[in-house]
């Protein structure tokens, strides 16, 4: 399996590849820095972004995130405040 699993010309890494790494982090196999080194990703901050996207939306790279949409709707009507 290719390490990068290129998806589109817009993204260096495919959503499937990002999900593999996030799942590996979720089950506690490796920390963020170890995962970056293992998969030859220049900075662990990329993995932080993928992880955060997954934790907030439940997916990676989806055009329509139901969780995000719901949160925005709740924020708009004042249920969620910052």
C-alpha atoms as a PDB file:
ATOM      1  CA  UNK A   1       0.000   0.000   0.000  1.00  0.00           C
ATOM      2  CA  UNK A   2       1.287   3.423  -0.887  1.00  0.00           C
ATOM      3  CA  UNK A   3       2.074   5.573   2.123  1.00  0.00           C
ATOM      4  CA  UNK A   4       0.256   8.615   0.775  1.00  0.00           C
ATOM      5  CA  UNK A   5      -2.631   6.988  -1.092  1.00  0.00           C
ATOM      6  CA  UNK A   6      -3.073  10.050  -3.233  1.00  0.00           C
ATOM      7  CA  UNK A   7      -6.718  10.970  -3.647  1.00  0.00           C
ATOM      8  CA  UNK A   8      -6.941  14.154  -5.667  1.00  0.00           C
ATOM      9  CA  UNK A   9      -4.577  16.786  -6.945  1.00  0.00           C
ATOM     10  CA  UNK A  10      -5.909  19.162  -4.290  1.00  0.00           C
ATOM     11  CA  UNK A  11      -4.821  17.041  -1.320  1.00  0.00           C
ATOM     12  CA  UNK A  12      -1.438  15.525  -0.637  1.00  0.00           C
ATOM     13  CA  UNK A  13      -3.038  12.663   1.301  1.00  0.00           C
ATOM     14  CA  UNK A  14      -6.267  10.843   0.584  1.00  0.00           C
ATOM     15  CA  UNK A  15      -9.119  10.903   3.081  1.00  0.00           C
ATOM     16  CA  UNK A  16      -8.751   7.135   3.468  1.00  0.00           C
ATOM     17  CA  UNK A  17      -5.106   7.514   4.447  1.00  0.00           C
ATOM     18  CA  UNK A  18      -5.947  10.262   6.941  1.00  0.00           C
ATOM     19  CA  UNK A  19      -8.639   8.057   8.462  1.00  0.00           C
ATOM     20  CA  UNK A  20      -6.187   5.152   8.848  1.00  0.00           C
ATOM     21  CA  UNK A  21      -3.850   7.401  10.827  1.00  0.00           C
ATOM     22  CA  UNK A  22      -6.623   8.927  12.955  1.00  0.00           C
ATOM     23  CA  UNK A  23      -7.973   5.459  13.755  1.00  0.00           C
ATOM     24  CA  UNK A  24      -4.504   4.322  14.758  1.00  0.00           C
ATOM     25  CA  UNK A  25      -4.295   7.305  17.114  1.00  0.00           C
ATOM     26  CA  UNK A  26      -7.805   6.634  18.488  1.00  0.00           C
ATOM     27  CA  UNK A  27      -7.002   3.063  19.499  1.00  0.00           C
ATOM     28  CA  UNK A  28      -3.874   4.296  21.245  1.00  0.00           C
ATOM     29  CA  UNK A  29      -1.291   2.477  19.148  1.00  0.00           C
ATOM     30  CA  UNK A  30       0.888   5.571  18.724  1.00  0.00           C
ATOM     31  CA  UNK A  31       1.082   9.224  19.649  1.00  0.00           C
ATOM     32  CA  UNK A  32       0.836  12.015  17.112  1.00  0.00           C
ATOM     33  CA  UNK A  33       4.580  12.531  16.689  1.00  0.00           C
ATOM     34  CA  UNK A  34       5.243   8.798  16.331  1.00  0.00           C
ATOM     35  CA  UNK A  35       2.517   8.519  13.699  1.00  0.00           C
ATOM     36  CA  UNK A  36       3.997  11.420  11.749  1.00  0.00           C
ATOM     37  CA  UNK A  37       7.379   9.728  11.784  1.00  0.00           C
ATOM     38  CA  UNK A  38       5.956   6.274  10.971  1.00  0.00           C
ATOM     39  CA  UNK A  39       4.042   7.550   7.931  1.00  0.00           C
ATOM     40  CA  UNK A  40       6.670  10.090   6.851  1.00  0.00           C
ATOM     41  CA  UNK A  41       4.443  13.120   7.378  1.00  0.00           C
ATOM     42  CA  UNK A  42       6.569  16.281   7.746  1.00  0.00           C
ATOM     43  CA  UNK A  43       4.676  17.660  10.753  1.00  0.00           C
ATOM     44  CA  UNK A  44       2.394  16.085  13.332  1.00  0.00           C
ATOM     45  CA  UNK A  45       0.215  19.203  13.157  1.00  0.00           C
ATOM     46  CA  UNK A  46      -1.382  17.815   9.992  1.00  0.00           C
ATOM     47  CA  UNK A  47      -2.515  14.808  12.011  1.00  0.00           C
ATOM     48  CA  UNK A  48      -3.850  17.137  14.713  1.00  0.00           C
ATOM     49  CA  UNK A  49      -6.036  18.838  12.083  1.00  0.00           C
ATOM     50  CA  UNK A  50      -7.284  15.488  10.734  1.00  0.00           C
ATOM     51  CA  UNK A  51      -7.970  14.242  14.272  1.00  0.00           C
ATOM     52  CA  UNK A  52      -9.855  17.385  15.224  1.00  0.00           C
ATOM     53  CA  UNK A  53     -11.917  17.256  12.035  1.00  0.00           C
ATOM     54  CA  UNK A  54     -12.824  13.645  12.771  1.00  0.00           C
ATOM     55  CA  UNK A  55     -13.684  14.324  16.420  1.00  0.00           C
ATOM     56  CA  UNK A  56     -15.911  17.291  15.529  1.00  0.00           C
ATOM     57  CA  UNK A  57     -17.611  15.951  12.404  1.00  0.00           C
ATOM     58  CA  UNK A  58     -17.271  12.187  12.601  1.00  0.00           C
ATOM     59  CA  UNK A  59     -15.595  12.072   9.191  1.00  0.00           C
ATOM     60  CA  UNK A  60     -12.660  13.383   7.216  1.00  0.00           C
ATOM     61  CA  UNK A  61     -12.993  15.324   4.006  1.00  0.00           C
ATOM     62  CA  UNK A  62     -16.752  15.103   3.674  1.00  0.00           C
ATOM     63  CA  UNK A  63     -18.320  18.053   1.905  1.00  0.00           C
ATOM     64  CA  UNK A  64     -21.313  18.097   4.239  1.00  0.00           C
ATOM     65  CA  UNK A  65     -20.698  17.444   7.888  1.00  0.00           C
ATOM     66  CA  UNK A  66     -23.966  16.782   9.704  1.00  0.00           C
ATOM     67  CA  UNK A  67     -22.438  17.466  13.132  1.00  0.00           C
ATOM     68  CA  UNK A  68     -20.965  20.769  11.978  1.00  0.00           C
ATOM     69  CA  UNK A  69     -24.255  21.766  10.341  1.00  0.00           C
ATOM     70  CA  UNK A  70     -26.185  20.948  13.518  1.00  0.00           C
ATOM     71  CA  UNK A  71     -23.713  22.904  15.645  1.00  0.00           C
ATOM     72  CA  UNK A  72     -24.015  25.921  13.362  1.00  0.00           C
ATOM     73  CA  UNK A  73     -27.816  25.717  13.508  1.00  0.00           C
ATOM     74  CA  UNK A  74     -27.763  25.507  17.308  1.00  0.00           C
ATOM     75  CA  UNK A  75     -25.331  28.409  17.484  1.00  0.00           C
ATOM     76  CA  UNK A  76     -27.531  30.477  15.164  1.00  0.00           C
ATOM     77  CA  UNK A  77     -30.592  30.042  17.391  1.00  0.00           C
ATOM     78  CA  UNK A  78     -28.625  30.726  20.561  1.00  0.00           C
ATOM     79  CA  UNK A  79     -28.535  27.237  22.075  1.00  0.00           C
ATOM     80  CA  UNK A  80     -24.746  27.149  21.877  1.00  0.00           C
ATOM     81  CA  UNK A  81     -22.819  30.133  23.165  1.00  0.00           C
ATOM     82  CA  UNK A  82     -19.117  30.811  23.181  1.00  0.00           C
END
